[in-house]
Structure formats: C-alpha cells, structure tokens
Protein backbone atom coordinates (compact mmCIF):
# COMPACT_ATOMS: atom_id res chain seq x y z
CA MET A 1 44.06 266.73 101.41
CA ALA A 2 47.26 265.71 103.18
CA GLU A 3 50.31 267.95 102.74
CA THR A 4 52.34 265.06 101.33
CA ASP A 5 49.66 264.48 98.69
CA VAL A 6 49.71 268.17 97.75
CA ARG A 7 53.48 268.16 97.34
CA ALA A 8 53.40 264.98 95.26
CA ILE A 9 50.82 266.45 92.90
CA LEU A 10 52.78 269.70 92.56
CA GLU A 11 55.88 267.77 91.58
CA GLN A 12 53.84 266.08 88.87
CA VAL A 13 52.68 269.51 87.71
CA ARG A 14 56.30 270.67 87.43
CA LYS A 15 57.18 267.60 85.39
CA LEU A 16 54.19 268.17 83.11
CA HIS A 17 55.28 271.74 82.50
CA ARG A 18 58.86 270.78 81.71
CA ASP A 19 57.69 268.04 79.35
CA GLN A 20 55.52 270.54 77.48
CA GLU A 21 58.34 273.06 77.27
CA SER A 22 60.69 270.44 75.84
CA THR A 23 58.35 269.93 72.87
CA GLN A 24 58.16 273.63 71.94
CA GLN A 25 59.61 274.36 68.50
CA GLU A 26 62.18 276.99 67.62
CA PHE A 27 61.09 280.24 65.99
CA VAL A 28 60.50 279.85 62.25
CA PRO A 29 60.15 283.22 60.44
CA GLY A 30 56.81 283.51 58.69
CA VAL A 31 55.49 280.36 60.35
CA THR A 32 55.69 280.94 64.09
CA PRO A 33 53.16 283.59 65.16
CA ILE A 34 54.58 286.73 66.77
CA LEU A 35 51.87 287.98 69.09
CA PRO A 36 51.57 291.69 69.88
CA SER A 37 51.02 290.85 73.55
CA GLY A 38 50.61 287.93 75.89
CA ALA A 39 51.49 286.34 79.19
CA VAL A 40 54.84 284.67 79.81
CA LEU A 41 54.12 281.77 82.17
CA ASP A 42 56.60 279.37 83.74
CA GLU A 43 56.38 276.26 85.90
CA ASP A 44 56.21 278.28 89.12
CA ASP A 45 53.13 280.05 87.76
CA ARG A 46 51.47 276.74 86.93
CA VAL A 47 52.30 275.34 90.36
CA ALA A 48 50.99 278.47 92.09
CA LEU A 49 47.62 278.11 90.37
CA VAL A 50 47.30 274.39 91.03
CA GLU A 51 48.36 274.70 94.67
CA GLN A 52 45.63 277.21 95.44
CA ALA A 53 43.09 275.00 93.67
CA LEU A 54 44.21 271.94 95.65
CA ARG A 55 43.84 273.87 98.87
CA LEU A 56 40.39 275.11 97.72
CA LYS A 57 41.39 278.78 98.13
CA ILE A 58 38.61 279.89 95.81
CA ALA A 59 37.74 283.31 97.30
CA SER A 60 39.73 286.38 98.31
CA GLY A 61 41.96 285.66 101.28
CA ALA A 62 45.56 285.48 102.46
CA ALA A 63 47.16 285.33 99.01
CA ALA A 64 45.22 288.39 97.88
CA LEU A 65 46.33 290.35 100.94
CA ARG A 66 49.94 289.34 100.46
CA PHE A 67 49.86 290.32 96.80
CA GLU A 68 48.34 293.72 97.64
CA ARG A 69 51.11 294.46 100.14
CA LEU A 70 53.94 293.35 97.88
CA PHE A 71 52.57 295.09 94.80
CA ALA A 72 52.06 298.34 96.71
CA ARG A 73 55.69 298.13 97.81
CA THR A 74 56.81 297.39 94.24
CA MET A 75 54.94 300.40 92.88
CA GLY A 76 55.99 302.69 95.74
CA VAL A 77 52.58 303.50 97.21
CA ARG A 78 51.00 302.92 100.61
CA LYS A 79 47.92 300.92 99.65
CA ALA A 80 46.81 298.59 96.88
CA HIS A 81 43.43 296.91 96.47
CA LEU A 82 43.11 293.94 94.14
CA THR A 83 40.10 293.88 91.82
CA ASN A 84 38.62 291.50 89.29
CA SER A 85 39.83 293.57 86.30
CA GLY A 86 41.61 296.75 85.32
CA SER A 87 38.31 298.09 84.00
CA SER A 88 36.76 297.56 87.43
CA ALA A 89 39.75 299.31 88.97
CA ASN A 90 39.05 302.39 86.86
CA LEU A 91 35.36 302.34 87.77
CA LEU A 92 36.16 301.86 91.44
CA ALA A 93 38.70 304.67 91.56
CA LEU A 94 36.41 307.23 89.97
CA ALA A 95 33.27 306.15 91.82
CA SER A 96 35.13 306.42 95.13
CA LEU A 97 35.74 310.11 94.48
CA ALA A 98 31.98 310.69 94.75
CA ALA A 99 31.88 309.37 98.34
CA PRO A 100 29.96 311.58 100.80
CA GLU A 101 32.83 311.73 103.31
CA LEU A 102 34.83 313.80 100.82
CA GLY A 103 32.40 316.65 101.46
CA ASP A 104 32.56 319.56 99.03
CA ARG A 105 35.46 317.88 97.21
CA ARG A 106 33.33 314.95 96.10
CA LEU A 107 32.48 314.50 92.44
CA ARG A 108 28.85 315.14 91.55
CA PRO A 109 26.79 314.43 88.42
CA GLY A 110 27.56 316.97 85.71
CA ASP A 111 31.14 317.62 86.87
CA GLU A 112 33.74 317.51 84.09
CA VAL A 113 36.67 315.12 83.87
CA ILE A 114 39.47 315.82 81.38
CA THR A 115 40.65 312.82 79.40
CA VAL A 116 42.05 311.95 75.96
CA ALA A 117 40.04 310.96 72.90
CA ALA A 118 42.67 308.51 71.60
CA GLY A 119 42.63 305.76 74.16
CA PHE A 120 40.92 302.68 75.52
CA PRO A 121 37.22 303.02 76.40
CA THR A 122 37.50 301.75 79.98
CA THR A 123 39.43 304.88 80.91
CA VAL A 124 36.49 306.96 79.72
CA ASN A 125 33.48 304.75 80.46
CA PRO A 126 33.55 305.26 84.25
CA ILE A 127 33.23 309.00 83.67
CA VAL A 128 30.00 308.40 81.78
CA GLN A 129 28.79 305.65 84.12
CA CYS A 130 29.21 307.96 87.14
CA GLY A 131 27.12 310.69 85.53
CA LEU A 132 30.12 312.93 84.84
CA VAL A 133 31.07 314.69 81.60
CA PRO A 134 34.22 313.65 79.72
CA VAL A 135 36.19 316.51 78.21
CA PHE A 136 38.29 315.19 75.35
CA VAL A 137 41.70 316.59 74.43
CA ASP A 138 44.06 315.64 71.62
CA VAL A 139 47.48 313.96 71.83
CA ASP A 140 50.88 314.32 70.19
CA LEU A 141 52.07 311.98 67.44
CA THR A 142 55.47 311.40 69.03
CA THR A 143 54.58 310.37 72.60
CA TYR A 144 50.89 309.61 71.91
CA ASN A 145 50.06 311.43 75.13
CA THR A 146 48.42 314.77 75.65
CA THR A 147 50.31 317.84 76.84
CA LEU A 148 50.05 320.23 79.76
CA ASP A 149 48.94 323.11 77.57
CA ARG A 150 46.08 321.06 76.10
CA ILE A 151 44.90 320.15 79.61
CA GLU A 152 45.13 323.77 80.78
CA ALA A 153 43.11 324.91 77.77
CA ALA A 154 40.40 322.37 78.63
CA LEU A 155 39.80 323.69 82.15
CA SER A 156 36.40 325.18 82.93
CA PRO A 157 34.53 326.13 86.12
CA ARG A 158 32.99 322.63 86.04
CA THR A 159 36.32 320.75 85.83
CA ARG A 160 36.82 318.53 88.88
CA ALA A 161 39.20 315.77 87.79
CA ILE A 162 41.73 314.50 85.25
CA MET A 163 41.75 310.84 84.28
CA MET A 164 43.99 309.44 81.56
CA ALA A 165 46.37 306.62 80.72
CA HIS A 166 50.10 306.52 80.17
CA THR A 167 49.85 305.48 76.53
CA LEU A 168 51.53 302.16 75.67
CA GLY A 169 53.70 302.56 78.77
CA ASN A 170 54.96 306.03 77.83
CA PRO A 171 54.23 308.41 80.73
CA PHE A 172 52.37 311.62 80.08
CA PRO A 173 54.04 314.62 81.80
CA VAL A 174 52.51 313.48 85.05
CA ALA A 175 54.52 315.61 87.50
CA GLU A 176 53.39 318.79 85.76
CA VAL A 177 49.82 317.51 85.42
CA ALA A 178 49.75 316.61 89.12
CA GLU A 179 50.95 320.11 90.01
CA LEU A 180 48.24 321.62 87.77
CA ALA A 181 45.65 319.41 89.49
CA ARG A 182 46.79 320.55 92.94
CA ALA A 183 46.74 324.19 91.90
CA HIS A 184 43.13 323.91 90.71
CA GLY A 185 41.85 321.53 93.39
CA LEU A 186 41.33 318.68 90.93
CA PHE A 187 41.55 314.93 91.46
CA LEU A 188 44.05 313.03 89.30
CA ILE A 189 43.66 309.37 88.34
CA GLU A 190 46.58 307.75 86.49
CA ASP A 191 45.55 304.76 84.40
CA THR A 192 48.84 302.86 84.68
CA CYS A 193 47.55 299.66 83.10
CA ASP A 194 50.21 299.77 80.36
CA ALA A 195 52.96 301.40 82.40
CA VAL A 196 53.95 299.30 85.41
CA LEU A 197 57.41 300.50 86.54
CA SER A 198 57.62 303.21 83.90
CA THR A 199 59.23 306.26 85.49
CA TYR A 200 58.92 310.00 85.08
CA GLN A 201 61.58 312.27 86.54
CA GLY A 202 62.95 309.21 88.34
CA ARG A 203 59.66 308.34 90.02
CA ASN A 204 57.28 305.50 89.21
CA ALA A 205 54.25 306.31 87.13
CA GLY A 206 51.21 305.66 89.26
CA THR A 207 52.58 307.49 92.31
CA PHE A 208 51.69 311.07 91.35
CA GLY A 209 47.88 311.07 91.41
CA ASP A 210 45.18 310.57 94.01
CA PHE A 211 44.67 307.12 92.51
CA SER A 212 46.37 304.94 89.95
CA THR A 213 45.03 301.78 88.37
CA VAL A 214 46.63 298.66 86.92
CA SER A 215 45.38 295.75 84.81
CA PHE A 216 46.59 292.18 85.22
CA TYR A 217 44.96 290.88 82.05
CA PRO A 218 47.36 288.52 80.18
CA ALA A 219 48.42 291.27 77.77
CA HIS A 220 49.90 293.38 80.55
CA HIS A 221 53.20 293.55 82.41
CA LEU A 222 52.26 290.79 84.81
CA THR A 223 49.11 288.74 84.92
CA THR A 224 46.65 287.20 87.33
CA GLY A 225 44.55 285.94 84.40
CA GLU A 226 41.79 288.48 84.84
CA GLY A 227 42.42 291.13 87.46
CA GLY A 228 43.36 294.68 88.31
CA CYS A 229 44.33 296.97 91.16
CA VAL A 230 43.63 300.41 92.62
CA LEU A 231 46.60 302.11 94.28
CA SER A 232 46.82 305.21 96.44
CA ASN A 233 49.04 307.00 98.92
CA SER A 234 45.96 308.37 100.71
CA LEU A 235 44.70 306.17 103.53
CA GLU A 236 41.40 308.06 103.48
CA LEU A 237 40.82 307.32 99.80
CA ALA A 238 42.08 303.76 100.13
CA ARG A 239 39.53 303.10 102.87
CA ILE A 240 36.73 304.31 100.59
CA VAL A 241 38.00 302.08 97.76
CA GLU A 242 38.03 299.06 100.07
CA SER A 243 34.46 299.70 101.14
CA MET A 244 33.23 300.35 97.60
CA ARG A 245 34.96 297.21 96.32
CA ASP A 246 33.54 295.05 99.14
CA TRP A 247 29.79 295.65 98.70
CA GLY A 248 29.95 299.14 100.24
CA ARG A 249 30.21 297.74 103.76
CA ASP A 250 31.42 299.86 106.67
CA CYS A 251 33.34 296.99 108.31
CA TRP A 252 37.04 296.70 107.53
CA CYS A 253 37.66 293.17 108.86
CA GLU A 254 39.57 290.99 106.42
CA PRO A 255 38.06 287.70 105.22
CA GLY A 256 37.83 285.31 108.15
CA GLU A 257 38.24 288.10 110.72
CA ASP A 258 35.61 289.24 113.19
CA ASN A 259 35.44 292.26 115.48
CA LYS A 260 38.81 293.75 114.53
CA CYS A 261 37.51 297.13 115.73
CA LEU A 262 36.37 295.63 119.06
CA LYS A 263 33.04 297.41 118.54
CA ARG A 264 31.21 294.96 116.29
CA TYR A 265 27.96 295.23 118.27
CA SER A 266 28.46 298.75 119.61
CA TYR A 267 27.80 300.92 116.55
CA GLN A 268 24.84 303.14 115.81
CA LEU A 269 25.03 304.29 112.20
CA GLY A 270 22.35 305.68 109.93
CA ASP A 271 18.86 304.84 111.17
CA LEU A 272 19.87 301.36 112.33
CA PRO A 273 19.33 300.26 115.92
CA TYR A 274 22.24 300.47 118.32
CA GLY A 275 24.38 297.33 118.22
CA TYR A 276 23.48 296.28 114.69
CA ASP A 277 26.20 293.88 113.46
CA HIS A 278 28.95 296.03 111.96
CA LYS A 279 29.72 293.33 109.36
CA TYR A 280 26.35 294.14 107.80
CA ILE A 281 26.34 297.92 107.96
CA PHE A 282 26.79 299.59 104.55
CA SER A 283 28.18 303.09 104.24
CA HIS A 284 28.46 303.25 100.42
CA VAL A 285 26.49 302.11 97.41
CA GLY A 286 29.23 299.71 96.40
CA TYR A 287 30.04 296.69 94.30
CA ASN A 288 31.67 293.29 94.66
CA LEU A 289 34.83 293.65 92.59
CA LYS A 290 37.20 291.40 94.53
CA ALA A 291 39.63 288.91 93.00
CA THR A 292 40.40 285.40 94.25
CA ASP A 293 43.39 283.82 95.95
CA ILE A 294 43.89 281.68 92.84
CA GLN A 295 44.40 284.84 90.81
CA ALA A 296 46.55 286.43 93.50
CA ALA A 297 48.78 283.36 93.71
CA LEU A 298 49.57 283.69 90.01
CA GLY A 299 50.26 287.39 90.55
CA LEU A 300 52.66 286.63 93.40
CA SER A 301 54.57 284.20 91.20
CA GLN A 302 54.69 286.66 88.31
CA LEU A 303 55.79 289.49 90.58
CA THR A 304 59.09 287.73 91.29
CA ARG A 305 60.01 288.26 87.61
CA ILE A 306 58.68 291.76 87.04
CA GLU A 307 62.14 293.31 86.66
CA ASP A 308 63.04 290.77 83.96
CA PHE A 309 59.74 291.41 82.18
CA VAL A 310 60.35 295.16 82.16
CA ALA A 311 63.94 294.76 80.92
CA ALA A 312 62.75 292.57 78.03
CA ARG A 313 60.11 295.11 77.03
CA LYS A 314 62.68 297.91 76.99
CA ARG A 315 65.15 295.77 75.02
CA ASN A 316 62.59 294.83 72.37
CA TRP A 317 61.33 298.40 71.99
CA ARG A 318 64.86 299.74 71.55
CA ARG A 319 65.68 297.06 68.97
CA LEU A 320 62.61 297.99 66.93
CA ARG A 321 63.30 301.72 67.27
CA ASP A 322 66.93 301.41 66.19
CA GLY A 323 66.13 298.99 63.39
CA LEU A 324 63.42 301.20 61.86
CA ASP A 325 65.19 304.51 62.38
CA GLY A 326 65.49 306.59 59.21
CA LEU A 327 62.94 304.56 57.27
CA PRO A 328 60.73 306.86 55.17
CA CYS A 329 56.92 307.02 55.43
CA LEU A 330 56.86 306.12 59.12
CA LEU A 331 56.48 308.35 62.17
CA LEU A 332 58.30 306.55 64.97
CA PRO A 333 57.58 306.98 68.69
CA GLU A 334 59.63 308.87 71.24
CA PRO A 335 59.71 308.59 75.03
CA THR A 336 58.26 311.55 76.85
CA PRO A 337 61.20 313.80 77.86
CA GLY A 338 62.31 312.91 81.38
CA SER A 339 60.78 309.44 81.26
CA ASP A 340 62.02 305.86 81.18
CA PRO A 341 59.07 303.87 79.86
CA SER A 342 58.31 300.25 80.57
CA TRP A 343 56.87 299.82 77.10
CA PHE A 344 53.62 298.03 76.30
CA GLY A 345 53.93 298.21 72.52
CA PHE A 346 55.77 299.83 69.63
CA VAL A 347 53.54 302.33 67.85
CA ILE A 348 53.89 303.40 64.20
CA THR A 349 52.01 306.09 62.26
CA LEU A 350 52.16 306.32 58.49
CA THR A 351 52.93 309.71 56.98
CA GLU A 352 50.23 311.33 54.88
CA ASP A 353 52.28 310.88 51.70
CA ALA A 354 53.33 307.28 52.42
CA GLY A 355 51.83 305.99 49.16
CA PHE A 356 50.35 302.94 50.88
CA SER A 357 47.64 302.41 53.47
CA ARG A 358 47.77 301.04 56.96
CA ALA A 359 45.60 298.14 55.83
CA GLU A 360 48.15 297.19 53.16
CA LEU A 361 51.05 297.18 55.60
CA VAL A 362 49.07 295.38 58.31
CA ASP A 363 47.92 292.74 55.80
CA PHE A 364 51.55 292.20 54.76
CA LEU A 365 52.62 291.75 58.38
CA ASN A 366 49.72 289.45 59.17
CA ALA A 367 50.64 287.28 56.20
CA ARG A 368 54.05 286.91 57.82
CA LYS A 369 52.45 285.92 61.13
CA ILE A 370 53.35 289.26 62.73
CA GLY A 371 50.46 290.32 64.93
CA THR A 372 49.35 293.95 65.00
CA ARG A 373 46.88 296.07 66.92
CA LEU A 374 45.37 299.48 66.30
CA LEU A 375 46.00 302.15 68.92
CA PHE A 376 42.92 300.99 70.78
CA ALA A 377 39.79 302.92 69.86
CA GLY A 378 41.46 305.70 67.90
CA ASN A 379 39.18 308.72 68.30
CA LEU A 380 36.57 307.54 70.79
CA VAL A 381 34.01 310.20 69.86
CA ARG A 382 33.67 308.59 66.43
CA HIS A 383 32.38 305.33 67.95
CA PRO A 384 28.65 304.51 68.08
CA ALA A 385 28.78 303.92 71.84
CA TYR A 386 29.33 307.65 72.48
CA ARG A 387 26.83 309.00 69.99
CA ASP A 388 24.34 309.99 72.69
CA VAL A 389 26.86 310.69 75.46
CA ASP A 390 27.14 314.18 76.91
CA TYR A 391 30.76 315.22 76.33
CA ARG A 392 32.83 318.28 75.44
CA ILE A 393 35.79 318.58 73.08
CA SER A 394 38.54 321.07 73.90
CA GLY A 395 40.37 322.32 70.82
CA ASP A 396 40.51 319.93 67.90
CA LEU A 397 41.14 316.19 67.69
CA THR A 398 43.25 316.25 64.54
CA ASN A 399 45.90 313.85 65.78
CA SER A 400 43.30 311.51 67.26
CA ASP A 401 41.75 311.30 63.79
CA ILE A 402 45.16 310.60 62.24
CA ILE A 403 45.63 307.80 64.78
CA THR A 404 42.24 306.40 63.79
CA ASP A 405 43.26 306.29 60.14
CA ARG A 406 47.02 305.68 60.04
CA THR A 407 48.35 304.23 63.32
CA PHE A 408 49.02 300.69 64.58
CA TRP A 409 51.38 298.97 66.98
CA ILE A 410 53.40 295.78 67.21
CA GLY A 411 54.55 293.83 70.21
CA VAL A 412 57.45 294.19 72.63
CA TYR A 413 56.23 291.82 75.35
CA PRO A 414 58.78 289.45 76.95
CA GLY A 415 57.72 286.49 74.82
CA ILE A 416 59.27 288.23 71.80
CA THR A 417 62.89 287.22 71.26
CA ILE A 418 65.63 289.26 69.61
CA GLU A 419 65.27 287.05 66.54
CA MET A 420 61.56 287.84 66.37
CA ALA A 421 62.18 291.58 66.79
CA ASP A 422 64.74 291.54 63.99
CA TYR A 423 62.29 289.68 61.75
CA MET A 424 59.66 292.35 62.39
CA VAL A 425 62.17 295.07 61.50
CA ALA A 426 63.24 293.26 58.31
CA SER A 427 59.63 292.71 57.25
CA ILE A 428 58.62 296.34 57.72
CA ARG A 429 61.74 297.57 55.94
CA GLU A 430 61.09 295.21 53.02
CA PHE A 431 57.51 296.44 52.64
CA VAL A 432 58.29 300.16 52.96
CA THR A 433 61.32 300.15 50.64
CA GLY A 434 59.39 298.09 48.11
CA HIS A 435 56.60 300.66 48.04
CA HIS A 436 58.76 303.74 48.35
CA GLY A 437 61.35 302.83 45.74
C-alpha cells in the first residue's frame, strides 16, 4: 500500500474517532455506568492500531522492540520482554528461575515459594505449574499486603523464592523484603501488574526483585489489549527469559535478523553435529509467549500518557479516601508507610458489627450503576482449584478470610471523573448512614 494511501486512511480514522467522541453523552448519576476499571483510549491509540494493521505488522517486530526499550526506561530497569499477557509474564519469570545455567541456585520441584493467600490466582498458579510448593501468608487490613514478620515466620529450609503482588497498586515493604531475600539467598519476583510507577522509599516498585511483571490488560495502568511484560536488571536472567519466551531457542537474533553472533553455522551444542543452524538450536524447554507489533503500537501510544494516567488514579483515590473518611462501619485503606502508590482501586472492608452485609451494599451500588469488584479471589485456599494442590500455610489466614467475606473495591481508573468519584462517595455515605442511623 502506498504511503499516501496509508496517510489518507489514517486521517479518516482520526475523523471517525472525533465524530464518535462528539456524540458521547455527559455523565448522568445513576444512569451512566461507572466502571471499576477500563482502558482510556484516544484517537492516537486508534490510529496506532490501524496503522500497524495497514502495514501488515502482524507479528513481533520493530514496534515490540521499541516498546520494550521505552518501557524498561520508564520503569527504571535494564531489560523488558513483552509477552502475550501478564499471566504469561508471571509464568515466564518463575519458570526461568529453574534454568540449568543457574546451577545450584535454580528452583527445583518441591522447593517452596512464599506468597499471599489473598490475591489473584495467576500470581500463585505458576508456582504450582512449575512443581513448586506455595507457602501462604496472611495480609493486613490496612494496606492489604503482607508484612516482613509474616514472611520471616514462613521461612523453612525448603524456601527458595518469594513471589507476590503489590496489592491494588499499594507496594508491600519491598525494600525490606528484598533485603531479607538477599540475606537468605532467595529469589524475589514482584508482581507489579497493578502498580506501574508506584514507588517505595522513592524508588519504583518493580525494581527491587530479580524479576518484576506487568499486565497490559485493559483494566491496568496502560494497555496493549492483551499483553504483559517481564522486567529485570539482570542481563543473565533477562537472556533466559528471552529464550524461554521464544520457544526456548539458543539464538538471540531479533525477528528478521540472521547471524548476529557471526557464528550461526559454527556452534556445537548438546549432541547436535557441528555447524547445526543456531536459529534452530534449543537450550530451554520454552514457550511461545510473544506479543505482536499491533499490540506494541497501542502500548507505545498509551505510554506517552502514563504520567497523566497515574495522576488521575492518585487524584480519584484521594477524593474517595477524603470523602469517606470518618464514616462508620467501613475500614478504609492506607498507603504502605514510605510509599506513593499508583492506585489500581479503592478497597473497602466492612466492620464485623456493620449491621449490613457486603452483598447489600454492593447491590445498592450496582443499582446506581456503580461497578464493584471483590478483592480478587479472597482466600485462595478456599477455592476448588487448590483442593488437591500441595501447599503450606504459615500462621493463620484470618484477614484473608475477612477479605473473602467483607471486602470489595471500586474504581479509580482515569476514565472516572471527579463528578463520578463524588457520586460514589455520596452513594456510599447515603447507604451507610441510612443503615447505621
């Protein structure tokens, strides 16, 4: 397709987007849905997607590489590898730690990995899928993260790693946890899917561990549609991730490249004959978890607005927190001391003596078109999927059970306006005061 034809079509796409935006209605309380999460897409995003499609950039290529480099720089790490989902990123990060080149440090079946019970299953599932044993610890009901003392109490001679998320964007005490991991020779994986550009002690979450992971699903801080990323400051670990993501191959040539090492037909690896094509030598039992240039192009467009997205999330969270402060029957969230969260949601737990149930409050909000979500799986060990899984519980999971029964969250994503946030506050206050007298 000629370049002039591409440009003409893209101008039509911009006009289409503007025409659609001009027909959008103003917010009407109780009528317009307030989603708990979602993507905020503009005309540049639409153009980015269409342009890649017009150019038939349907696989992983130049846009994916550019996104990886820019996103690594944004997060403050050396390497980023784009994946087809955040769940795949978690699987890839943990599986890479079992690579043979890590020697005695490598994870082996039966090793224990400390994690939290109150979370999303894709932080825990890779532990099970890799033949490891999850060790569940409880969380606090202010930050919804676990604590250093709970992690220390969970250590055993079989402990080899820690893998957990920064809950709803609120960092766990990751500097202290990273120091504990170093002291005991443990790997640390930060699931940063909800916490892009959250900081702890002035440093970005996702920069403390051996790996961090991010999701680019539409609910998250920026989106590629589906997609995710594995990040690391270790070039050794990043090289393993790249191989594991790309079928397990030994070759490191980028798409469209050949013989970058200048030894393509000069290797002798494994039991293969000398000179076997390096592009088809496999050093790991890997996957194909790559993303496409179409996805990456959307990510590049979104990345230009990440600071605005984060500021809106912080603004909306603060408006909800200030507006609900002092209201009885509700336990309100707090940032982890020393942190500046890039919030994913606003979490609320009902007190034991509230006099009304979570279902009653959630039904009231839903009737007013205010979307809600539970705090993911609640206590994961109570789910049927883990009934036959080999796991260990350290201490009790009292707060995880409370979260299962009495906790939910509402949205702070950038599509929520100040007017919407105030309507959520007014609705919750009306319900609680009406039931509390």
